[in-house]
N, C-alpha and C. Protein backbone atom coordinates (compact mmCIF):
# COMPACT_ATOMS: atom_id res chain seq x y z
N UNK A 1 4.69 18.39 27.89
CA UNK A 1 5.04 19.76 27.61
C UNK A 1 4.00 20.32 26.64
N UNK A 2 2.89 20.74 27.21
CA UNK A 2 1.80 21.26 26.39
C UNK A 2 2.21 22.56 25.74
N UNK A 3 1.89 22.68 24.47
CA UNK A 3 2.15 23.92 23.74
C UNK A 3 3.54 24.02 23.16
N UNK A 4 4.46 23.18 23.57
CA UNK A 4 5.80 23.28 23.02
C UNK A 4 5.93 22.41 21.79
N UNK A 5 6.84 22.79 20.92
CA UNK A 5 7.05 22.05 19.69
C UNK A 5 8.49 21.53 19.68
N UNK A 6 8.62 20.26 19.55
CA UNK A 6 9.95 19.68 19.46
C UNK A 6 9.89 18.47 18.52
N UNK A 7 11.04 18.11 17.99
CA UNK A 7 11.13 17.04 17.01
C UNK A 7 11.77 15.82 17.65
N UNK A 8 11.24 14.67 17.31
CA UNK A 8 11.81 13.41 17.79
C UNK A 8 12.34 12.62 16.60
N UNK A 9 13.42 11.94 16.82
CA UNK A 9 14.00 11.09 15.80
C UNK A 9 14.15 9.69 16.36
N UNK A 10 13.99 8.70 15.50
CA UNK A 10 14.24 7.32 15.90
C UNK A 10 15.73 7.07 15.95
N UNK A 11 16.10 6.09 16.72
CA UNK A 11 17.50 5.69 16.79
C UNK A 11 17.86 4.95 15.51
N UNK A 12 19.11 5.07 15.08
CA UNK A 12 19.58 4.33 13.92
C UNK A 12 19.67 2.87 14.28
N UNK A 13 19.33 2.02 13.34
CA UNK A 13 19.41 0.58 13.56
C UNK A 13 19.78 -0.10 12.25
N UNK A 14 20.43 -1.21 12.36
CA UNK A 14 20.80 -2.00 11.19
C UNK A 14 19.57 -2.75 10.70
N UNK A 15 19.33 -2.71 9.40
CA UNK A 15 18.21 -3.43 8.81
C UNK A 15 18.76 -4.67 8.12
N UNK A 16 18.34 -5.83 8.61
CA UNK A 16 18.84 -7.09 8.05
C UNK A 16 18.09 -7.52 6.80
N UNK A 17 16.82 -7.18 6.72
CA UNK A 17 16.01 -7.55 5.58
C UNK A 17 14.76 -6.67 5.57
N UNK A 18 14.09 -6.64 4.44
CA UNK A 18 12.87 -5.86 4.32
C UNK A 18 12.98 -4.86 3.18
N UNK A 19 11.89 -4.14 2.99
CA UNK A 19 11.82 -3.14 1.94
C UNK A 19 11.60 -1.79 2.61
N UNK A 20 12.47 -0.81 2.36
CA UNK A 20 12.27 0.50 2.99
C UNK A 20 11.02 1.18 2.46
N UNK A 21 10.18 1.66 3.37
CA UNK A 21 8.95 2.33 2.97
C UNK A 21 9.24 3.76 2.54
N UNK A 22 8.40 4.24 1.63
CA UNK A 22 8.50 5.61 1.09
C UNK A 22 9.83 5.89 0.38
N UNK A 23 10.42 4.85 -0.17
CA UNK A 23 11.65 5.06 -0.93
C UNK A 23 11.33 4.93 -2.41
N UNK A 24 12.21 5.41 -3.23
CA UNK A 24 11.99 5.37 -4.68
C UNK A 24 12.07 3.93 -5.19
N UNK A 25 12.99 3.15 -4.67
CA UNK A 25 13.14 1.77 -5.13
C UNK A 25 12.28 0.79 -4.34
N UNK A 26 11.57 1.25 -3.32
CA UNK A 26 10.75 0.39 -2.48
C UNK A 26 9.77 -0.48 -3.25
N UNK A 27 8.94 0.11 -4.15
CA UNK A 27 7.99 -0.72 -4.89
C UNK A 27 8.67 -1.80 -5.74
N UNK A 28 9.79 -1.47 -6.35
CA UNK A 28 10.50 -2.45 -7.16
C UNK A 28 11.06 -3.58 -6.28
N UNK A 29 11.64 -3.21 -5.15
CA UNK A 29 12.17 -4.23 -4.23
C UNK A 29 11.05 -5.10 -3.69
N UNK A 30 9.89 -4.49 -3.41
CA UNK A 30 8.75 -5.27 -2.93
C UNK A 30 8.32 -6.30 -3.97
N UNK A 31 8.29 -5.89 -5.24
CA UNK A 31 7.93 -6.84 -6.30
C UNK A 31 8.92 -7.99 -6.39
N UNK A 32 10.20 -7.71 -6.17
CA UNK A 32 11.19 -8.79 -6.14
C UNK A 32 10.90 -9.75 -4.98
N UNK A 33 10.50 -9.19 -3.85
CA UNK A 33 10.23 -10.02 -2.67
C UNK A 33 9.06 -10.96 -2.88
N UNK A 34 8.04 -10.52 -3.60
CA UNK A 34 6.85 -11.35 -3.76
C UNK A 34 6.75 -12.02 -5.12
N UNK A 35 7.79 -11.96 -5.91
CA UNK A 35 7.73 -12.48 -7.29
C UNK A 35 7.45 -13.97 -7.35
N UNK A 36 7.79 -14.72 -6.32
CA UNK A 36 7.55 -16.17 -6.35
C UNK A 36 6.18 -16.57 -5.82
N UNK A 37 5.42 -15.63 -5.26
CA UNK A 37 4.11 -15.96 -4.70
C UNK A 37 3.16 -16.58 -5.73
N UNK A 38 3.02 -16.03 -6.93
CA UNK A 38 2.11 -16.67 -7.89
C UNK A 38 2.46 -18.12 -8.20
N UNK A 39 3.76 -18.45 -8.23
CA UNK A 39 4.16 -19.83 -8.49
C UNK A 39 3.80 -20.75 -7.33
N UNK A 40 3.84 -20.21 -6.11
CA UNK A 40 3.54 -21.01 -4.92
C UNK A 40 2.05 -21.35 -4.85
N UNK A 41 1.19 -20.40 -5.20
CA UNK A 41 -0.25 -20.58 -5.01
C UNK A 41 -1.02 -20.90 -6.28
N UNK A 42 -0.38 -20.99 -7.42
CA UNK A 42 -1.08 -21.13 -8.69
C UNK A 42 -1.92 -22.40 -8.80
N UNK A 43 -1.59 -23.45 -8.06
CA UNK A 43 -2.34 -24.70 -8.17
C UNK A 43 -3.57 -24.73 -7.27
N UNK A 44 -3.65 -23.83 -6.29
CA UNK A 44 -4.82 -23.82 -5.40
C UNK A 44 -5.59 -22.52 -5.44
N UNK A 45 -5.08 -21.50 -6.15
CA UNK A 45 -5.80 -20.23 -6.24
C UNK A 45 -5.42 -19.52 -7.53
N UNK A 46 -6.13 -18.43 -7.78
CA UNK A 46 -5.81 -17.56 -8.91
C UNK A 46 -5.24 -16.27 -8.34
N UNK A 47 -3.93 -16.08 -8.38
CA UNK A 47 -3.35 -14.86 -7.82
C UNK A 47 -3.47 -13.68 -8.78
N UNK A 48 -3.73 -12.51 -8.22
CA UNK A 48 -3.77 -11.27 -8.98
C UNK A 48 -2.89 -10.26 -8.26
N UNK A 49 -1.85 -9.77 -8.93
CA UNK A 49 -0.95 -8.79 -8.35
C UNK A 49 -1.00 -7.53 -9.18
N UNK A 50 -1.19 -6.40 -8.51
CA UNK A 50 -1.16 -5.10 -9.17
C UNK A 50 -0.46 -4.14 -8.24
N UNK A 51 0.73 -3.71 -8.61
CA UNK A 51 1.57 -2.86 -7.76
C UNK A 51 1.75 -3.56 -6.42
N UNK A 52 1.31 -2.94 -5.32
CA UNK A 52 1.48 -3.57 -4.02
C UNK A 52 0.17 -4.18 -3.52
N UNK A 53 -0.80 -4.36 -4.41
CA UNK A 53 -2.09 -4.95 -4.05
C UNK A 53 -2.13 -6.38 -4.56
N UNK A 54 -2.26 -7.33 -3.65
CA UNK A 54 -2.27 -8.74 -4.01
C UNK A 54 -3.59 -9.36 -3.61
N UNK A 55 -4.21 -10.09 -4.52
CA UNK A 55 -5.46 -10.80 -4.23
C UNK A 55 -5.28 -12.27 -4.61
N UNK A 56 -5.77 -13.12 -3.74
CA UNK A 56 -5.77 -14.55 -4.01
C UNK A 56 -7.22 -15.00 -4.07
N UNK A 57 -7.60 -15.65 -5.15
CA UNK A 57 -8.98 -16.10 -5.32
C UNK A 57 -8.98 -17.63 -5.25
N UNK A 58 -9.66 -18.16 -4.22
CA UNK A 58 -9.78 -19.59 -4.02
C UNK A 58 -11.19 -20.01 -4.43
N UNK A 59 -11.31 -21.11 -5.13
CA UNK A 59 -12.61 -21.59 -5.57
C UNK A 59 -12.80 -23.03 -5.08
N UNK A 60 -13.76 -23.20 -4.18
CA UNK A 60 -14.06 -24.51 -3.63
C UNK A 60 -15.57 -24.71 -3.59
N UNK A 61 -16.01 -25.90 -3.90
CA UNK A 61 -17.43 -26.22 -3.76
C UNK A 61 -17.71 -26.83 -2.39
N UNK A 62 -16.68 -27.32 -1.74
CA UNK A 62 -16.82 -27.93 -0.42
C UNK A 62 -16.14 -27.04 0.61
N UNK A 63 -16.91 -26.57 1.58
CA UNK A 63 -16.39 -25.66 2.61
C UNK A 63 -15.27 -26.30 3.43
N UNK A 64 -15.39 -27.58 3.74
CA UNK A 64 -14.36 -28.24 4.55
C UNK A 64 -13.03 -28.31 3.82
N UNK A 65 -13.05 -28.54 2.51
CA UNK A 65 -11.82 -28.54 1.72
C UNK A 65 -11.17 -27.16 1.74
N UNK A 66 -11.99 -26.13 1.61
CA UNK A 66 -11.46 -24.76 1.66
C UNK A 66 -10.81 -24.49 3.00
N UNK A 67 -11.51 -24.79 4.07
CA UNK A 67 -10.99 -24.50 5.41
C UNK A 67 -9.69 -25.25 5.67
N UNK A 68 -9.61 -26.49 5.21
CA UNK A 68 -8.39 -27.27 5.39
C UNK A 68 -7.23 -26.68 4.60
N UNK A 69 -7.46 -26.36 3.33
CA UNK A 69 -6.38 -25.86 2.49
C UNK A 69 -5.94 -24.45 2.85
N UNK A 70 -6.85 -23.60 3.25
CA UNK A 70 -6.47 -22.22 3.56
C UNK A 70 -5.66 -22.15 4.86
N UNK A 71 -5.89 -23.06 5.76
CA UNK A 71 -5.19 -23.03 7.05
C UNK A 71 -4.08 -24.06 7.16
N UNK A 72 -3.65 -24.63 6.03
CA UNK A 72 -2.62 -25.67 6.11
C UNK A 72 -1.22 -25.11 6.33
N UNK A 73 -1.05 -23.81 6.27
CA UNK A 73 0.23 -23.23 6.62
C UNK A 73 1.15 -22.90 5.47
N UNK A 74 0.75 -23.15 4.23
CA UNK A 74 1.66 -22.87 3.13
C UNK A 74 1.93 -21.37 3.01
N UNK A 75 0.91 -20.53 3.24
CA UNK A 75 1.14 -19.08 3.18
C UNK A 75 2.00 -18.61 4.34
N UNK A 76 1.76 -19.16 5.52
CA UNK A 76 2.57 -18.78 6.69
C UNK A 76 4.02 -19.13 6.44
N UNK A 77 4.27 -20.31 5.90
CA UNK A 77 5.64 -20.71 5.59
C UNK A 77 6.25 -19.78 4.56
N UNK A 78 5.47 -19.40 3.53
CA UNK A 78 5.98 -18.49 2.51
C UNK A 78 6.35 -17.14 3.11
N UNK A 79 5.50 -16.60 3.99
CA UNK A 79 5.81 -15.34 4.66
C UNK A 79 7.09 -15.46 5.47
N UNK A 80 7.20 -16.52 6.25
CA UNK A 80 8.39 -16.72 7.08
C UNK A 80 9.65 -16.89 6.24
N UNK A 81 9.56 -17.67 5.16
CA UNK A 81 10.72 -17.91 4.30
C UNK A 81 11.20 -16.63 3.62
N UNK A 82 10.29 -15.69 3.36
CA UNK A 82 10.64 -14.45 2.68
C UNK A 82 10.79 -13.27 3.63
N UNK A 83 10.81 -13.54 4.92
CA UNK A 83 10.99 -12.52 5.95
C UNK A 83 9.96 -11.40 5.81
N UNK A 84 8.72 -11.78 5.52
CA UNK A 84 7.64 -10.82 5.37
C UNK A 84 6.61 -11.06 6.46
N UNK A 85 5.79 -10.06 6.71
CA UNK A 85 4.69 -10.21 7.65
C UNK A 85 3.41 -9.76 6.98
N UNK A 86 2.30 -10.27 7.45
CA UNK A 86 0.99 -9.95 6.91
C UNK A 86 0.31 -8.97 7.85
N UNK A 87 -0.14 -7.84 7.31
CA UNK A 87 -0.87 -6.87 8.11
C UNK A 87 -2.34 -7.27 8.11
N UNK A 88 -2.77 -7.93 9.18
CA UNK A 88 -4.15 -8.43 9.25
C UNK A 88 -5.18 -7.31 9.31
N UNK A 89 -4.77 -6.11 9.73
CA UNK A 89 -5.71 -4.99 9.75
C UNK A 89 -6.05 -4.51 8.34
N UNK A 90 -5.14 -4.70 7.39
CA UNK A 90 -5.37 -4.29 6.01
C UNK A 90 -5.80 -5.45 5.12
N UNK A 91 -5.87 -6.64 5.69
CA UNK A 91 -6.19 -7.83 4.93
C UNK A 91 -7.60 -8.27 5.26
N UNK A 92 -8.33 -8.67 4.25
CA UNK A 92 -9.70 -9.13 4.46
C UNK A 92 -10.02 -10.24 3.47
N UNK A 93 -11.09 -10.94 3.76
CA UNK A 93 -11.55 -11.94 2.80
C UNK A 93 -13.05 -11.81 2.61
N UNK A 94 -13.47 -12.17 1.42
CA UNK A 94 -14.88 -12.13 1.06
C UNK A 94 -15.27 -13.53 0.62
N UNK A 95 -16.36 -14.02 1.17
CA UNK A 95 -16.88 -15.33 0.80
C UNK A 95 -17.99 -15.09 -0.22
N UNK A 96 -17.71 -15.35 -1.48
CA UNK A 96 -18.68 -15.12 -2.55
C UNK A 96 -19.67 -16.27 -2.61
N UNK A 97 -20.96 -15.93 -2.58
CA UNK A 97 -22.02 -16.93 -2.64
C UNK A 97 -23.19 -16.38 -3.43
N UNK A 98 -24.13 -17.24 -3.69
CA UNK A 98 -25.39 -16.81 -4.29
C UNK A 98 -26.29 -16.27 -3.18
N UNK A 99 -27.24 -15.42 -3.54
CA UNK A 99 -28.18 -14.90 -2.54
C UNK A 99 -28.94 -16.05 -1.92
N UNK A 100 -29.12 -16.00 -0.62
CA UNK A 100 -29.87 -17.03 0.09
C UNK A 100 -29.04 -18.23 0.50
N UNK A 101 -27.78 -18.28 0.14
CA UNK A 101 -26.92 -19.40 0.51
C UNK A 101 -26.43 -19.20 1.94
N UNK A 102 -26.37 -20.28 2.69
CA UNK A 102 -25.89 -20.22 4.07
C UNK A 102 -24.39 -19.96 4.06
N UNK A 103 -23.96 -18.94 4.81
CA UNK A 103 -22.54 -18.62 4.89
C UNK A 103 -21.89 -19.37 6.04
N UNK A 104 -20.68 -19.84 5.81
CA UNK A 104 -19.87 -20.47 6.85
C UNK A 104 -18.75 -19.52 7.20
N UNK A 105 -18.58 -19.26 8.48
CA UNK A 105 -17.48 -18.42 8.91
C UNK A 105 -16.20 -19.25 8.94
N UNK A 106 -15.18 -18.73 8.35
CA UNK A 106 -13.87 -19.39 8.36
C UNK A 106 -12.93 -18.55 9.21
N UNK A 107 -12.17 -19.18 10.06
CA UNK A 107 -11.17 -18.48 10.85
C UNK A 107 -9.85 -18.57 10.10
N UNK A 108 -9.51 -17.50 9.43
CA UNK A 108 -8.27 -17.46 8.67
C UNK A 108 -7.32 -16.55 9.44
N UNK A 109 -6.21 -17.09 9.83
CA UNK A 109 -5.30 -16.31 10.66
C UNK A 109 -3.85 -16.50 10.32
N UNK A 110 -3.05 -15.60 10.91
CA UNK A 110 -1.61 -15.61 10.72
C UNK A 110 -0.98 -15.06 11.99
N UNK A 111 -0.11 -15.83 12.63
CA UNK A 111 0.56 -15.42 13.87
C UNK A 111 -0.42 -14.95 14.93
N UNK A 112 -1.47 -15.71 15.17
CA UNK A 112 -2.51 -15.42 16.17
C UNK A 112 -3.29 -14.15 15.89
N UNK A 113 -3.25 -13.65 14.68
CA UNK A 113 -4.09 -12.53 14.26
C UNK A 113 -5.02 -13.08 13.18
N UNK A 114 -6.27 -12.66 13.23
CA UNK A 114 -7.24 -13.20 12.29
C UNK A 114 -7.66 -12.15 11.28
N UNK A 115 -7.89 -12.62 10.07
CA UNK A 115 -8.31 -11.78 8.96
C UNK A 115 -9.82 -11.63 9.03
N UNK A 116 -10.30 -10.40 8.87
CA UNK A 116 -11.73 -10.16 8.99
C UNK A 116 -12.47 -10.53 7.72
N UNK A 117 -13.68 -11.00 7.92
CA UNK A 117 -14.58 -11.33 6.81
C UNK A 117 -15.41 -10.08 6.54
N UNK A 118 -15.59 -9.74 5.29
CA UNK A 118 -16.41 -8.58 4.95
C UNK A 118 -17.39 -8.95 3.85
N UNK A 119 -18.41 -8.13 3.69
CA UNK A 119 -19.45 -8.43 2.70
C UNK A 119 -19.12 -7.85 1.33
N UNK A 120 -18.18 -6.91 1.28
CA UNK A 120 -17.75 -6.40 -0.02
C UNK A 120 -16.32 -5.91 0.09
N UNK A 121 -15.70 -5.74 -1.07
CA UNK A 121 -14.31 -5.28 -1.10
C UNK A 121 -14.11 -4.37 -2.30
N UNK A 122 -13.16 -3.49 -2.18
CA UNK A 122 -12.81 -2.59 -3.28
C UNK A 122 -11.62 -3.20 -4.00
N UNK A 123 -11.86 -3.66 -5.21
CA UNK A 123 -10.82 -4.31 -6.00
C UNK A 123 -10.48 -3.41 -7.18
N UNK A 124 -9.37 -2.68 -7.07
CA UNK A 124 -8.90 -1.77 -8.11
C UNK A 124 -9.99 -0.79 -8.55
N UNK A 125 -10.71 -0.25 -7.55
CA UNK A 125 -11.72 0.78 -7.82
C UNK A 125 -13.12 0.26 -8.07
N UNK A 126 -13.29 -1.05 -8.13
CA UNK A 126 -14.61 -1.64 -8.33
C UNK A 126 -15.02 -2.31 -7.02
N UNK A 127 -16.20 -1.94 -6.51
CA UNK A 127 -16.69 -2.54 -5.27
C UNK A 127 -17.43 -3.83 -5.63
N UNK A 128 -16.91 -4.94 -5.13
CA UNK A 128 -17.47 -6.25 -5.42
C UNK A 128 -18.12 -6.78 -4.14
N UNK A 129 -19.39 -7.13 -4.24
CA UNK A 129 -20.12 -7.66 -3.09
C UNK A 129 -20.04 -9.18 -3.04
N UNK A 130 -20.25 -9.72 -1.87
CA UNK A 130 -20.16 -11.17 -1.70
C UNK A 130 -21.25 -11.91 -2.48
N UNK A 131 -22.36 -11.23 -2.78
CA UNK A 131 -23.43 -11.86 -3.58
C UNK A 131 -23.29 -11.52 -5.06
N UNK A 132 -22.17 -10.90 -5.43
CA UNK A 132 -21.89 -10.49 -6.80
C UNK A 132 -22.96 -9.55 -7.36
N UNK A 133 -23.51 -8.73 -6.49
CA UNK A 133 -24.47 -7.70 -6.88
C UNK A 133 -23.70 -6.40 -7.12
N UNK A 134 -24.25 -5.50 -7.89
CA UNK A 134 -23.59 -4.23 -8.19
C UNK A 134 -24.12 -3.09 -7.32
N UNK A 135 -24.98 -3.37 -6.34
CA UNK A 135 -25.64 -2.32 -5.56
C UNK A 135 -24.63 -1.40 -4.85
N UNK A 136 -23.66 -1.95 -4.17
CA UNK A 136 -22.70 -1.12 -3.43
C UNK A 136 -21.87 -0.27 -4.37
N UNK A 137 -21.48 -0.82 -5.51
CA UNK A 137 -20.68 -0.06 -6.48
C UNK A 137 -21.51 1.07 -7.08
N UNK A 138 -22.75 0.80 -7.41
CA UNK A 138 -23.63 1.84 -7.96
C UNK A 138 -23.87 2.93 -6.92
N UNK A 139 -24.11 2.53 -5.67
CA UNK A 139 -24.31 3.51 -4.59
C UNK A 139 -23.07 4.38 -4.40
N UNK A 140 -21.91 3.81 -4.62
CA UNK A 140 -20.65 4.56 -4.51
C UNK A 140 -20.47 5.54 -5.68
N UNK A 141 -20.92 5.12 -6.87
CA UNK A 141 -20.74 5.95 -8.07
C UNK A 141 -21.79 7.05 -8.23
N UNK A 142 -23.02 6.83 -7.74
CA UNK A 142 -24.11 7.78 -7.98
C UNK A 142 -23.78 9.22 -7.56
N UNK A 143 -23.25 9.47 -6.37
CA UNK A 143 -22.93 10.87 -6.01
C UNK A 143 -21.92 11.50 -6.97
N UNK A 144 -20.96 10.71 -7.46
CA UNK A 144 -19.98 11.25 -8.41
C UNK A 144 -20.64 11.57 -9.75
N UNK A 145 -21.54 10.71 -10.19
CA UNK A 145 -22.25 10.93 -11.46
C UNK A 145 -23.15 12.15 -11.34
N UNK A 146 -23.87 12.26 -10.21
CA UNK A 146 -24.73 13.43 -10.00
C UNK A 146 -23.92 14.71 -10.04
N UNK A 147 -22.76 14.71 -9.38
CA UNK A 147 -21.90 15.90 -9.35
C UNK A 147 -21.40 16.23 -10.75
N UNK A 148 -21.02 15.22 -11.52
CA UNK A 148 -20.55 15.45 -12.88
C UNK A 148 -21.67 15.99 -13.76
N UNK A 149 -22.88 15.45 -13.60
CA UNK A 149 -24.01 15.95 -14.39
C UNK A 149 -24.36 17.39 -14.02
N UNK A 150 -24.27 17.70 -12.74
CA UNK A 150 -24.54 19.06 -12.28
C UNK A 150 -23.49 20.02 -12.86
N UNK A 151 -22.24 19.59 -12.86
CA UNK A 151 -21.17 20.42 -13.41
C UNK A 151 -21.32 20.64 -14.90
N UNK A 152 -21.75 19.65 -15.62
CA UNK A 152 -21.95 19.79 -17.07
C UNK A 152 -23.14 20.71 -17.34
N UNK A 153 -24.19 20.61 -16.51
CA UNK A 153 -25.39 21.42 -16.70
C UNK A 153 -25.19 22.89 -16.40
N UNK A 154 -24.19 23.24 -15.60
CA UNK A 154 -23.97 24.64 -15.23
C UNK A 154 -22.98 25.35 -16.15
N UNK A 155 -22.39 24.62 -17.08
CA UNK A 155 -21.39 25.24 -17.96
C UNK A 155 -22.08 26.01 -19.06
């Protein structure tokens, strides 16, 4: 029906578990749902939680140990036990190395969906590159700094 405007509504359904999105208590309920995650992963990673943004930092000198531990299923079991799912489209991993180091691709997945590897990530407003260089963050900030300097100069 081209040109016509009509509204659609979803059917009502019983919710057995989960956190309602866009609700006032949603963020608080989400924090309750994931409150045990740091205790689960504290011996193999350094968890960082800020609001609904969770980062797990794994440190391994041996690639095979990393690949074995990351895919051993403890996170999958935690997700299943807490009735949560992982959005692989919003999840990524960065393999931090020194410049010139050979990178190994790791297949990290959950429910037959794989997490993409990227060369940099935005962590609470700071762009961190896999080589721990500041180039991407500086490139991101320069236009804002130029605009601020231009604004100050015209006052």
